[in-house]
Amino acid sequence: MTTPPDGLPVYRLLTGPDDAAFCHRVSEALKAGYRLHEGPAITFDGERVIVAQAVVWPGA
């Protein structure tokens, strides 16, 4: 497949609380064919840890 499925962009930034739901979202992107782009970014909003992970479509 030369383009991401379902009209998704070639670059995506997944963000959210550092929980199982976020990990599942990243895992689903990897299963769909995306690759991690660098390491995650992590911050604290005063109540919880918030993470961001960029994923890119191979060959983009």
C-alpha atoms as a PDB file:
ATOM      1  CA  MET A   1       0.000   0.000   0.000  1.00  0.00           C
ATOM      2  CA  THR A   2       1.546   3.310  -1.054  1.00  0.00           C
ATOM      3  CA  THR A   3      -0.792   5.614   0.868  1.00  0.00           C
ATOM      4  CA  PRO A   4      -2.269   5.404   4.368  1.00  0.00           C
ATOM      5  CA  PRO A   5      -5.640   3.673   4.715  1.00  0.00           C
ATOM      6  CA  ASP A   6      -8.972   5.474   5.033  1.00  0.00           C
ATOM      7  CA  GLY A   7      -7.607   8.768   3.686  1.00  0.00           C
ATOM      8  CA  LEU A   8      -5.412   9.316   6.744  1.00  0.00           C
ATOM      9  CA  PRO A   9      -2.499  11.758   6.411  1.00  0.00           C
ATOM     10  CA  VAL A  10       1.080  10.520   5.979  1.00  0.00           C
ATOM     11  CA  TYR A  11       2.090  12.319   9.200  1.00  0.00           C
ATOM     12  CA  ARG A  12       0.108  12.011  12.399  1.00  0.00           C
ATOM     13  CA  LEU A  13       0.738  13.331  15.902  1.00  0.00           C
ATOM     14  CA  LEU A  14      -1.036  11.201  18.464  1.00  0.00           C
ATOM     15  CA  THR A  15      -1.550  12.889  21.847  1.00  0.00           C
ATOM     16  CA  GLY A  16      -3.295  12.151  25.110  1.00  0.00           C
ATOM     17  CA  PRO A  17      -2.934  11.056  28.703  1.00  0.00           C
ATOM     18  CA  ASP A  18      -0.307   8.383  29.280  1.00  0.00           C
ATOM     19  CA  ASP A  19      -2.722   5.503  29.683  1.00  0.00           C
ATOM     20  CA  ALA A  20      -3.675   2.224  28.061  1.00  0.00           C
ATOM     21  CA  ALA A  21      -5.989   3.953  25.571  1.00  0.00           C
ATOM     22  CA  PHE A  22      -3.106   6.052  24.248  1.00  0.00           C
ATOM     23  CA  CYS A  23      -0.873   2.988  23.959  1.00  0.00           C
ATOM     24  CA  HIS A  24      -3.620   1.194  22.019  1.00  0.00           C
ATOM     25  CA  ARG A  25      -3.927   4.150  19.608  1.00  0.00           C
ATOM     26  CA  VAL A  26      -0.191   4.057  18.904  1.00  0.00           C
ATOM     27  CA  SER A  27      -0.292   0.262  18.539  1.00  0.00           C
ATOM     28  CA  GLU A  28      -3.181   0.503  16.057  1.00  0.00           C
ATOM     29  CA  ALA A  29      -1.254   3.043  13.971  1.00  0.00           C
ATOM     30  CA  LEU A  30       1.742   0.687  13.897  1.00  0.00           C
ATOM     31  CA  LYS A  31      -0.464  -2.251  12.894  1.00  0.00           C
ATOM     32  CA  ALA A  32      -1.906  -0.138  10.072  1.00  0.00           C
ATOM     33  CA  GLY A  33       1.608   0.365   8.681  1.00  0.00           C
ATOM     34  CA  TYR A  34       2.795   3.632  10.230  1.00  0.00           C
ATOM     35  CA  ARG A  35       6.296   3.867  11.730  1.00  0.00           C
ATOM     36  CA  LEU A  36       7.376   5.784  14.821  1.00  0.00           C
ATOM     37  CA  HIS A  37       9.071   9.099  14.101  1.00  0.00           C
ATOM     38  CA  GLU A  38      11.644   9.796  16.800  1.00  0.00           C
ATOM     39  CA  GLY A  39      10.782   9.363  20.465  1.00  0.00           C
ATOM     40  CA  PRO A  40       7.729  10.543  22.351  1.00  0.00           C
ATOM     41  CA  ALA A  41       7.296  13.941  23.983  1.00  0.00           C
ATOM     42  CA  ILE A  42       6.107  13.949  27.587  1.00  0.00           C
ATOM     43  CA  THR A  43       4.749  16.708  29.821  1.00  0.00           C
ATOM     44  CA  PHE A  44       2.744  17.077  33.015  1.00  0.00           C
ATOM     45  CA  ASP A  45      -0.375  19.252  33.077  1.00  0.00           C
ATOM     46  CA  GLY A  46      -0.583  19.535  36.857  1.00  0.00           C
ATOM     47  CA  GLU A  47      -2.833  16.492  37.158  1.00  0.00           C
ATOM     48  CA  ARG A  48      -1.604  13.845  34.748  1.00  0.00           C
ATOM     49  CA  VAL A  49       1.186  12.907  32.372  1.00  0.00           C
ATOM     50  CA  ILE A  50       0.421  13.844  28.746  1.00  0.00           C
ATOM     51  CA  VAL A  51       2.310  12.191  25.887  1.00  0.00           C
ATOM     52  CA  ALA A  52       2.695  12.802  22.154  1.00  0.00           C
ATOM     53  CA  GLN A  53       4.034  10.410  19.548  1.00  0.00           C
ATOM     54  CA  ALA A  54       4.548  11.233  15.894  1.00  0.00           C
ATOM     55  CA  VAL A  55       4.006   8.481  13.336  1.00  0.00           C
ATOM     56  CA  VAL A  56       4.733   8.615   9.615  1.00  0.00           C
ATOM     57  CA  TRP A  57       3.730   6.527   6.634  1.00  0.00           C
ATOM     58  CA  PRO A  58       6.781   4.704   5.169  1.00  0.00           C
ATOM     59  CA  GLY A  59       8.097   6.236   1.961  1.00  0.00           C
ATOM     60  CA  ALA A  60       6.316   9.533   2.516  1.00  0.00           C
END
